[in-house]
Amino acid sequence: MPVSMAFSEVGSGEPIVIVHGLFGSGRNWQATARDLARDGYRVMTVDLRNHGRSPWTPTMRLAELADDLAAFLDERGLVDATVLGHSVGGKAAMLMALAHPERVQALIVVDIAPVRYAHSFLGHVEAMQAVDLSALERRAEVADRLQPAIPDAPTRQFLVQNLVRRHGRLAWRLNLEAIAAAMPDLTGFPDPPAGTLGERYDGRVLMIRGAESDYIAPEHQSAIFHLFPQAEFAVIPGAGHRPHVEQPKAFRERVRTFLESGYA
């Protein structure tokens, strides 16, 4: 059953729904949302289930995330929205567009492809679960505890943004148990549903990758074009898996160009 996702909204005009990636939340996209709102768009940033302010559930398969997104469009009365999804949020957005192509004005997918990946973030989950938060007071202390398992400092800083204070103690606002259980599904991509709808999405698609990331590789193009025949590609120089954070100006300019070309 779909969950009602928490969200924030800014601006007015043509609707854009932004879907964050694994371990993220809608607030990671607030700067992008404000920038697009200044350009005349109504921008909604959602929190996926088991993330941010959204409900916790024991399961979170990609198909469930796509259903949550479709339900969000229904709840908000959005019949023709642009959907922007990053990483796992991009997979959910792609799957939702395949299932409900008539609901999506255009699709922007950030640094992810509709394929199965060999790597997993289960190590990140296990490292976070292993930290004894009861003895710690500050995010910086938690980041230090994560360092042996997660040596990349920006990744650690990203993860500890998910710490909140509950009953006077630090706690993860992520449902780490559910994320760990779902990891085999989240790293894959299901076969598109058969039938009149669902075999491909013929609308406009922008696939954005960071130049230093390998999440969208040349060998993924056949899978992308099979499902999204109108896909176009953009590369953000000097960026990795989070181009909206690492090169925000270049990222927003490329998104803006795509959006304006569609509404011209």
C-alpha atoms as a PDB file:
ATOM      1  CA  MET A   1       0.000   0.000   0.000  1.00  0.00           C
ATOM      2  CA  PRO A   2       1.420   3.443  -0.900  1.00  0.00           C
ATOM      3  CA  VAL A   3       2.482   5.762   1.905  1.00  0.00           C
ATOM      4  CA  SER A   4       1.767   9.472   1.997  1.00  0.00           C
ATOM      5  CA  MET A   5       5.181  11.070   1.655  1.00  0.00           C
ATOM      6  CA  ALA A   6       6.212  14.179   3.549  1.00  0.00           C
ATOM      7  CA  PHE A   7       7.130  17.071   1.275  1.00  0.00           C
ATOM      8  CA  SER A   8       8.004  20.754   1.048  1.00  0.00           C
ATOM      9  CA  GLU A   9       6.755  23.128  -1.636  1.00  0.00           C
ATOM     10  CA  VAL A  10       7.986  26.430  -3.006  1.00  0.00           C
ATOM     11  CA  GLY A  11       7.031  28.637  -5.965  1.00  0.00           C
ATOM     12  CA  SER A  12       4.187  28.548  -8.471  1.00  0.00           C
ATOM     13  CA  GLY A  13       3.825  27.604 -12.109  1.00  0.00           C
ATOM     14  CA  GLU A  14       4.516  24.361 -13.981  1.00  0.00           C
ATOM     15  CA  PRO A  15       5.006  21.575 -11.396  1.00  0.00           C
ATOM     16  CA  ILE A  16       8.315  19.835 -10.729  1.00  0.00           C
ATOM     17  CA  VAL A  17       8.626  16.963  -8.235  1.00  0.00           C
ATOM     18  CA  ILE A  18      12.125  16.221  -6.904  1.00  0.00           C
ATOM     19  CA  VAL A  19      12.932  12.777  -5.488  1.00  0.00           C
ATOM     20  CA  HIS A  20      16.133  12.380  -3.450  1.00  0.00           C
ATOM     21  CA  GLY A  21      18.473   9.404  -3.359  1.00  0.00           C
ATOM     22  CA  LEU A  22      19.330   6.753  -0.777  1.00  0.00           C
ATOM     23  CA  PHE A  23      20.163   8.137   2.693  1.00  0.00           C
ATOM     24  CA  GLY A  24      18.952  11.588   1.588  1.00  0.00           C
ATOM     25  CA  SER A  25      15.832  13.673   2.072  1.00  0.00           C
ATOM     26  CA  GLY A  26      13.980  16.454   0.354  1.00  0.00           C
ATOM     27  CA  ARG A  27      15.884  19.083   2.299  1.00  0.00           C
ATOM     28  CA  ASN A  28      19.078  18.105   0.441  1.00  0.00           C
ATOM     29  CA  TRP A  29      17.398  19.639  -2.622  1.00  0.00           C
ATOM     30  CA  GLN A  30      16.110  22.881  -1.119  1.00  0.00           C
ATOM     31  CA  ALA A  31      18.698  25.088  -2.850  1.00  0.00           C
ATOM     32  CA  THR A  32      17.797  23.594  -6.237  1.00  0.00           C
ATOM     33  CA  ALA A  33      14.093  23.951  -5.447  1.00  0.00           C
ATOM     34  CA  ARG A  34      14.428  27.634  -4.541  1.00  0.00           C
ATOM     35  CA  ASP A  35      16.426  28.302  -7.691  1.00  0.00           C
ATOM     36  CA  LEU A  36      13.802  26.633  -9.904  1.00  0.00           C
ATOM     37  CA  ALA A  37      11.020  28.457  -8.055  1.00  0.00           C
ATOM     38  CA  ARG A  38      12.670  31.776  -8.935  1.00  0.00           C
ATOM     39  CA  ASP A  39      12.452  30.665 -12.570  1.00  0.00           C
ATOM     40  CA  GLY A  40       8.691  30.335 -12.268  1.00  0.00           C
ATOM     41  CA  TYR A  41       8.129  26.699 -11.323  1.00  0.00           C
ATOM     42  CA  ARG A  42       6.123  25.083  -8.537  1.00  0.00           C
ATOM     43  CA  VAL A  43       8.658  22.743  -6.943  1.00  0.00           C
ATOM     44  CA  MET A  44       7.877  19.936  -4.503  1.00  0.00           C
ATOM     45  CA  THR A  45      10.658  18.008  -2.745  1.00  0.00           C
ATOM     46  CA  VAL A  46       9.482  14.716  -1.247  1.00  0.00           C
ATOM     47  CA  ASP A  47      10.903  12.372   1.399  1.00  0.00           C
ATOM     48  CA  LEU A  48      10.914   8.720   0.366  1.00  0.00           C
ATOM     49  CA  ARG A  49       9.478   6.185   2.797  1.00  0.00           C
ATOM     50  CA  ASN A  50      11.931   5.317   5.620  1.00  0.00           C
ATOM     51  CA  HIS A  51      13.685   8.657   5.013  1.00  0.00           C
ATOM     52  CA  GLY A  52      13.304  12.192   6.319  1.00  0.00           C
ATOM     53  CA  ARG A  53       9.856  12.960   7.733  1.00  0.00           C
ATOM     54  CA  SER A  54       8.021  10.215   5.838  1.00  0.00           C
ATOM     55  CA  PRO A  55       6.561   7.106   7.494  1.00  0.00           C
ATOM     56  CA  TRP A  56       8.620   4.019   8.239  1.00  0.00           C
ATOM     57  CA  THR A  57       7.563   0.742   6.661  1.00  0.00           C
ATOM     58  CA  PRO A  58       9.171  -2.723   6.800  1.00  0.00           C
ATOM     59  CA  THR A  59       9.620  -2.859   3.018  1.00  0.00           C
ATOM     60  CA  MET A  60      10.783  -0.391   0.371  1.00  0.00           C
ATOM     61  CA  ARG A  61      11.106  -2.101  -2.975  1.00  0.00           C
ATOM     62  CA  LEU A  62      11.561   0.095  -6.035  1.00  0.00           C
ATOM     63  CA  ALA A  63       8.051  -0.764  -7.175  1.00  0.00           C
ATOM     64  CA  GLU A  64       6.726   0.511  -3.838  1.00  0.00           C
ATOM     65  CA  LEU A  65       8.685   3.754  -4.155  1.00  0.00           C
ATOM     66  CA  ALA A  66       7.237   4.230  -7.648  1.00  0.00           C
ATOM     67  CA  ASP A  67       3.729   3.605  -6.301  1.00  0.00           C
ATOM     68  CA  ASP A  68       4.337   6.136  -3.520  1.00  0.00           C
ATOM     69  CA  LEU A  69       5.344   8.683  -6.135  1.00  0.00           C
ATOM     70  CA  ALA A  70       2.260   8.012  -8.271  1.00  0.00           C
ATOM     71  CA  ALA A  71       0.094   8.348  -5.155  1.00  0.00           C
ATOM     72  CA  PHE A  72       1.779  11.675  -4.381  1.00  0.00           C
ATOM     73  CA  LEU A  73       0.833  12.974  -7.827  1.00  0.00           C
ATOM     74  CA  ASP A  74      -2.752  11.904  -7.136  1.00  0.00           C
ATOM     75  CA  GLU A  75      -2.786  13.539  -3.693  1.00  0.00           C
ATOM     76  CA  ARG A  76      -1.556  16.842  -5.078  1.00  0.00           C
ATOM     77  CA  GLY A  77      -3.758  16.759  -8.174  1.00  0.00           C
ATOM     78  CA  LEU A  78      -0.745  16.708 -10.507  1.00  0.00           C
ATOM     79  CA  VAL A  79      -1.675  15.336 -13.921  1.00  0.00           C
ATOM     80  CA  ASP A  80       1.323  16.476 -15.989  1.00  0.00           C
ATOM     81  CA  ALA A  81       4.419  17.075 -13.853  1.00  0.00           C
ATOM     82  CA  THR A  82       8.131  17.050 -14.551  1.00  0.00           C
ATOM     83  CA  VAL A  83       9.794  14.521 -12.233  1.00  0.00           C
ATOM     84  CA  LEU A  84      13.464  14.826 -11.249  1.00  0.00           C
ATOM     85  CA  GLY A  85      15.001  11.871  -9.436  1.00  0.00           C
ATOM     86  CA  HIS A  86      18.516  11.289  -8.110  1.00  0.00           C
ATOM     87  CA  SER A  87      20.103   7.857  -7.621  1.00  0.00           C
ATOM     88  CA  VAL A  88      17.502   5.524  -6.059  1.00  0.00           C
ATOM     89  CA  GLY A  89      15.007   8.368  -6.431  1.00  0.00           C
ATOM     90  CA  GLY A  90      15.864   8.370 -10.125  1.00  0.00           C
ATOM     91  CA  LYS A  91      15.100   4.662 -10.356  1.00  0.00           C
ATOM     92  CA  ALA A  92      11.738   5.234  -8.651  1.00  0.00           C
ATOM     93  CA  ALA A  93      11.008   8.114 -11.034  1.00  0.00           C
ATOM     94  CA  MET A  94      11.901   6.026 -14.097  1.00  0.00           C
ATOM     95  CA  LEU A  95       9.743   3.128 -12.968  1.00  0.00           C
ATOM     96  CA  MET A  96       6.820   5.438 -12.216  1.00  0.00           C
ATOM     97  CA  ALA A  97       7.122   7.065 -15.659  1.00  0.00           C
ATOM     98  CA  LEU A  98       7.089   3.632 -17.305  1.00  0.00           C
ATOM     99  CA  ALA A  99       3.965   2.646 -15.389  1.00  0.00           C
ATOM    100  CA  HIS A 100       2.175   5.997 -15.776  1.00  0.00           C
ATOM    101  CA  PRO A 101       3.630   7.718 -18.855  1.00  0.00           C
ATOM    102  CA  GLU A 102       0.563   9.906 -19.263  1.00  0.00           C
ATOM    103  CA  ARG A 103       1.231  11.484 -15.869  1.00  0.00           C
ATOM    104  CA  VAL A 104       4.780  12.683 -16.581  1.00  0.00           C
ATOM    105  CA  GLN A 105       5.472  15.814 -18.619  1.00  0.00           C
ATOM    106  CA  ALA A 106       9.225  15.133 -18.663  1.00  0.00           C
ATOM    107  CA  LEU A 107      11.766  13.121 -16.714  1.00  0.00           C
ATOM    108  CA  ILE A 108      15.161  14.192 -15.359  1.00  0.00           C
ATOM    109  CA  VAL A 109      17.329  11.364 -14.033  1.00  0.00           C
ATOM    110  CA  VAL A 110      20.454  12.241 -12.080  1.00  0.00           C
ATOM    111  CA  ASP A 111      23.438   9.867 -12.086  1.00  0.00           C
ATOM    112  CA  ILE A 112      21.687   6.518 -12.258  1.00  0.00           C
ATOM    113  CA  ALA A 113      20.655   4.060 -14.987  1.00  0.00           C
ATOM    114  CA  PRO A 114      17.828   1.495 -15.209  1.00  0.00           C
ATOM    115  CA  VAL A 115      20.205  -1.410 -14.591  1.00  0.00           C
ATOM    116  CA  ARG A 116      21.444  -3.676 -11.803  1.00  0.00           C
ATOM    117  CA  TYR A 117      24.614  -2.519 -10.093  1.00  0.00           C
ATOM    118  CA  ALA A 118      27.204  -4.844  -8.580  1.00  0.00           C
ATOM    119  CA  HIS A 119      28.010  -2.576  -5.646  1.00  0.00           C
ATOM    120  CA  SER A 120      25.894  -2.166  -2.533  1.00  0.00           C
ATOM    121  CA  PHE A 121      25.633   0.379   0.266  1.00  0.00           C
ATOM    122  CA  LEU A 122      25.026  -2.304   2.862  1.00  0.00           C
ATOM    123  CA  GLY A 123      28.399  -1.472   4.404  1.00  0.00           C
ATOM    124  CA  HIS A 124      27.220   2.083   5.064  1.00  0.00           C
ATOM    125  CA  VAL A 125      24.105   0.773   6.807  1.00  0.00           C
ATOM    126  CA  GLU A 126      26.091  -1.655   8.940  1.00  0.00           C
ATOM    127  CA  ALA A 127      28.560   1.076   9.918  1.00  0.00           C
ATOM    128  CA  MET A 128      25.736   3.383  11.027  1.00  0.00           C
ATOM    129  CA  GLN A 129      24.019   0.581  12.948  1.00  0.00           C
ATOM    130  CA  ALA A 130      27.290  -0.225  14.733  1.00  0.00           C
ATOM    131  CA  VAL A 131      27.708   3.261  16.234  1.00  0.00           C
ATOM    132  CA  ASP A 132      26.542   3.463  19.861  1.00  0.00           C
ATOM    133  CA  LEU A 133      24.674   6.754  19.745  1.00  0.00           C
ATOM    134  CA  SER A 134      23.748   6.682  23.437  1.00  0.00           C
ATOM    135  CA  ALA A 135      27.219   7.879  24.431  1.00  0.00           C
ATOM    136  CA  LEU A 136      27.532  10.617  21.807  1.00  0.00           C
ATOM    137  CA  GLU A 137      26.272  14.207  21.749  1.00  0.00           C
ATOM    138  CA  ARG A 138      27.372  15.710  18.437  1.00  0.00           C
ATOM    139  CA  ARG A 139      27.234  14.789  14.774  1.00  0.00           C
ATOM    140  CA  ALA A 140      30.984  15.296  14.519  1.00  0.00           C
ATOM    141  CA  GLU A 141      31.506  12.522  17.076  1.00  0.00           C
ATOM    142  CA  VAL A 142      29.366  10.144  15.043  1.00  0.00           C
ATOM    143  CA  ALA A 143      31.266  11.076  11.870  1.00  0.00           C
ATOM    144  CA  ASP A 144      34.514  10.192  13.650  1.00  0.00           C
ATOM    145  CA  ARG A 145      33.135   6.782  14.611  1.00  0.00           C
ATOM    146  CA  LEU A 146      32.164   6.130  10.984  1.00  0.00           C
ATOM    147  CA  GLN A 147      35.609   7.004   9.611  1.00  0.00           C
ATOM    148  CA  PRO A 148      37.184   3.501   9.700  1.00  0.00           C
ATOM    149  CA  ALA A 149      34.334   2.009   7.639  1.00  0.00           C
ATOM    150  CA  ILE A 150      33.592   5.100   5.530  1.00  0.00           C
ATOM    151  CA  PRO A 151      36.869   6.969   4.876  1.00  0.00           C
ATOM    152  CA  ASP A 152      35.355   9.520   2.479  1.00  0.00           C
ATOM    153  CA  ALA A 153      34.669  12.644   4.548  1.00  0.00           C
ATOM    154  CA  PRO A 154      31.917  14.158   2.315  1.00  0.00           C
ATOM    155  CA  THR A 155      30.018  10.862   2.455  1.00  0.00           C
ATOM    156  CA  ARG A 156      30.243  10.795   6.250  1.00  0.00           C
ATOM    157  CA  GLN A 157      29.005  14.386   6.461  1.00  0.00           C
ATOM    158  CA  PHE A 158      26.118  13.508   4.164  1.00  0.00           C
ATOM    159  CA  LEU A 159      25.130  10.522   6.292  1.00  0.00           C
ATOM    160  CA  VAL A 160      25.233  12.306   9.658  1.00  0.00           C
ATOM    161  CA  GLN A 161      22.740  14.864   8.354  1.00  0.00           C
ATOM    162  CA  ASN A 162      20.258  12.087   9.132  1.00  0.00           C
ATOM    163  CA  LEU A 163      20.845  12.405  12.874  1.00  0.00           C
ATOM    164  CA  VAL A 164      18.062  13.937  14.950  1.00  0.00           C
ATOM    165  CA  ARG A 165      17.543  14.274  18.676  1.00  0.00           C
ATOM    166  CA  ARG A 166      14.784  12.160  20.185  1.00  0.00           C
ATOM    167  CA  HIS A 167      14.071  12.109  23.907  1.00  0.00           C
ATOM    168  CA  GLY A 168      17.321  13.952  24.475  1.00  0.00           C
ATOM    169  CA  ARG A 169      19.479  11.495  22.522  1.00  0.00           C
ATOM    170  CA  LEU A 170      20.821  11.289  18.996  1.00  0.00           C
ATOM    171  CA  ALA A 171      18.956   8.902  16.701  1.00  0.00           C
ATOM    172  CA  TRP A 172      18.907   8.046  13.014  1.00  0.00           C
ATOM    173  CA  ARG A 173      15.838   9.282  11.177  1.00  0.00           C
ATOM    174  CA  LEU A 174      16.495   6.542   8.613  1.00  0.00           C
ATOM    175  CA  ASN A 175      14.898   3.124   8.960  1.00  0.00           C
ATOM    176  CA  LEU A 176      18.231   1.350   8.618  1.00  0.00           C
ATOM    177  CA  GLU A 177      16.769  -2.128   9.107  1.00  0.00           C
ATOM    178  CA  ALA A 178      14.326  -1.691   6.219  1.00  0.00           C
ATOM    179  CA  ILE A 179      16.990  -0.130   3.982  1.00  0.00           C
ATOM    180  CA  ALA A 180      19.345  -3.056   4.623  1.00  0.00           C
ATOM    181  CA  ALA A 181      16.630  -5.596   3.829  1.00  0.00           C
ATOM    182  CA  ALA A 182      15.731  -3.771   0.610  1.00  0.00           C
ATOM    183  CA  MET A 183      19.281  -3.318  -0.668  1.00  0.00           C
ATOM    184  CA  PRO A 184      19.236  -6.214  -3.186  1.00  0.00           C
ATOM    185  CA  ASP A 185      16.117  -4.736  -4.792  1.00  0.00           C
ATOM    186  CA  LEU A 186      17.312  -1.120  -4.668  1.00  0.00           C
ATOM    187  CA  THR A 187      20.540  -1.944  -6.480  1.00  0.00           C
ATOM    188  CA  GLY A 188      18.614  -3.617  -9.299  1.00  0.00           C
ATOM    189  CA  PHE A 189      15.881  -2.528 -11.675  1.00  0.00           C
ATOM    190  CA  PRO A 190      12.712  -4.554 -12.311  1.00  0.00           C
ATOM    191  CA  ASP A 191      11.493  -5.583 -15.720  1.00  0.00           C
ATOM    192  CA  PRO A 192       9.003  -2.974 -16.975  1.00  0.00           C
ATOM    193  CA  PRO A 193       5.373  -4.037 -16.728  1.00  0.00           C
ATOM    194  CA  ALA A 194       3.969  -5.630 -19.862  1.00  0.00           C
ATOM    195  CA  GLY A 195       0.921  -4.304 -21.652  1.00  0.00           C
ATOM    196  CA  THR A 196      -0.158  -1.232 -23.567  1.00  0.00           C
ATOM    197  CA  LEU A 197       1.547   1.033 -21.020  1.00  0.00           C
ATOM    198  CA  GLY A 198       4.776   0.385 -19.206  1.00  0.00           C
ATOM    199  CA  GLU A 199       7.046  -1.017 -21.895  1.00  0.00           C
ATOM    200  CA  ARG A 200       8.709   2.325 -22.531  1.00  0.00           C
ATOM    201  CA  TYR A 201       8.352   6.036 -21.843  1.00  0.00           C
ATOM    202  CA  ASP A 202       8.262   8.136 -25.020  1.00  0.00           C
ATOM    203  CA  GLY A 203       8.396  11.541 -23.344  1.00  0.00           C
ATOM    204  CA  ARG A 204      11.382  13.840 -22.965  1.00  0.00           C
ATOM    205  CA  VAL A 205      14.160  12.504 -20.734  1.00  0.00           C
ATOM    206  CA  LEU A 206      17.382  14.138 -19.574  1.00  0.00           C
ATOM    207  CA  MET A 207      20.018  11.797 -18.137  1.00  0.00           C
ATOM    208  CA  ILE A 208      22.570  13.804 -16.124  1.00  0.00           C
ATOM    209  CA  ARG A 209      25.804  12.276 -14.876  1.00  0.00           C
ATOM    210  CA  GLY A 210      28.787  13.606 -13.004  1.00  0.00           C
ATOM    211  CA  ALA A 211      31.942  13.426 -15.123  1.00  0.00           C
ATOM    212  CA  GLU A 212      33.780  11.632 -12.301  1.00  0.00           C
ATOM    213  CA  SER A 213      30.994   9.097 -11.709  1.00  0.00           C
ATOM    214  CA  ASP A 214      30.510   5.732 -13.381  1.00  0.00           C
ATOM    215  CA  TYR A 215      26.843   5.281 -12.524  1.00  0.00           C
ATOM    216  CA  ILE A 216      25.831   6.074 -16.112  1.00  0.00           C
ATOM    217  CA  ALA A 217      28.373   4.234 -18.258  1.00  0.00           C
ATOM    218  CA  PRO A 218      28.535   3.747 -22.052  1.00  0.00           C
ATOM    219  CA  GLU A 219      27.403   0.143 -21.662  1.00  0.00           C
ATOM    220  CA  HIS A 220      24.166   1.368 -20.040  1.00  0.00           C
ATOM    221  CA  GLN A 221      23.016   3.321 -23.076  1.00  0.00           C
ATOM    222  CA  SER A 222      21.262   0.406 -24.774  1.00  0.00           C
ATOM    223  CA  ALA A 223      19.142  -0.222 -21.664  1.00  0.00           C
ATOM    224  CA  ILE A 224      18.363   3.483 -21.396  1.00  0.00           C
ATOM    225  CA  PHE A 225      17.324   3.905 -25.043  1.00  0.00           C
ATOM    226  CA  HIS A 226      15.281   0.690 -24.935  1.00  0.00           C
ATOM    227  CA  LEU A 227      13.085   2.128 -22.179  1.00  0.00           C
ATOM    228  CA  PHE A 228      13.491   5.847 -22.902  1.00  0.00           C
ATOM    229  CA  PRO A 229      13.969   6.333 -26.661  1.00  0.00           C
ATOM    230  CA  GLN A 230      13.928  10.161 -26.419  1.00  0.00           C
ATOM    231  CA  ALA A 231      16.711  10.291 -23.809  1.00  0.00           C
ATOM    232  CA  GLU A 232      19.389  12.944 -24.090  1.00  0.00           C
ATOM    233  CA  PHE A 233      22.559  13.034 -22.030  1.00  0.00           C
ATOM    234  CA  ALA A 234      24.423  15.723 -20.119  1.00  0.00           C
ATOM    235  CA  VAL A 235      27.736  15.565 -18.268  1.00  0.00           C
ATOM    236  CA  ILE A 236      28.575  17.907 -15.376  1.00  0.00           C
ATOM    237  CA  PRO A 237      32.370  18.515 -15.265  1.00  0.00           C
ATOM    238  CA  GLY A 238      34.074  18.295 -11.902  1.00  0.00           C
ATOM    239  CA  ALA A 239      31.228  16.352 -10.302  1.00  0.00           C
ATOM    240  CA  GLY A 240      30.730  12.828  -9.033  1.00  0.00           C
ATOM    241  CA  HIS A 241      27.557  11.073  -7.930  1.00  0.00           C
ATOM    242  CA  ARG A 242      26.012  14.236  -6.421  1.00  0.00           C
ATOM    243  CA  PRO A 243      26.419  16.872  -9.168  1.00  0.00           C
ATOM    244  CA  HIS A 244      23.682  19.058  -7.653  1.00  0.00           C
ATOM    245  CA  VAL A 245      25.903  19.456  -4.577  1.00  0.00           C
ATOM    246  CA  GLU A 246      29.369  19.333  -6.121  1.00  0.00           C
ATOM    247  CA  GLN A 247      28.689  21.652  -9.078  1.00  0.00           C
ATOM    248  CA  PRO A 248      25.332  23.285  -8.266  1.00  0.00           C
ATOM    249  CA  LYS A 249      25.561  26.182 -10.733  1.00  0.00           C
ATOM    250  CA  ALA A 250      26.409  23.993 -13.731  1.00  0.00           C
ATOM    251  CA  PHE A 251      23.798  21.445 -12.685  1.00  0.00           C
ATOM    252  CA  ARG A 252      21.000  23.996 -12.388  1.00  0.00           C
ATOM    253  CA  GLU A 253      21.901  25.641 -15.674  1.00  0.00           C
ATOM    254  CA  ARG A 254      21.642  22.293 -17.482  1.00  0.00           C
ATOM    255  CA  VAL A 255      18.286  21.527 -15.857  1.00  0.00           C
ATOM    256  CA  ARG A 256      17.043  25.027 -16.682  1.00  0.00           C
ATOM    257  CA  THR A 257      18.049  24.642 -20.351  1.00  0.00           C
ATOM    258  CA  PHE A 258      16.183  21.341 -20.598  1.00  0.00           C
ATOM    259  CA  LEU A 259      13.048  22.730 -18.965  1.00  0.00           C
ATOM    260  CA  GLU A 260      12.991  25.902 -21.072  1.00  0.00           C
ATOM    261  CA  SER A 261      13.451  23.950 -24.299  1.00  0.00           C
ATOM    262  CA  GLY A 262      10.373  21.923 -23.420  1.00  0.00           C
ATOM    263  CA  TYR A 263       8.137  24.861 -22.631  1.00  0.00           C
ATOM    264  CA  ALA A 264       9.248  27.059 -25.537  1.00  0.00           C
END
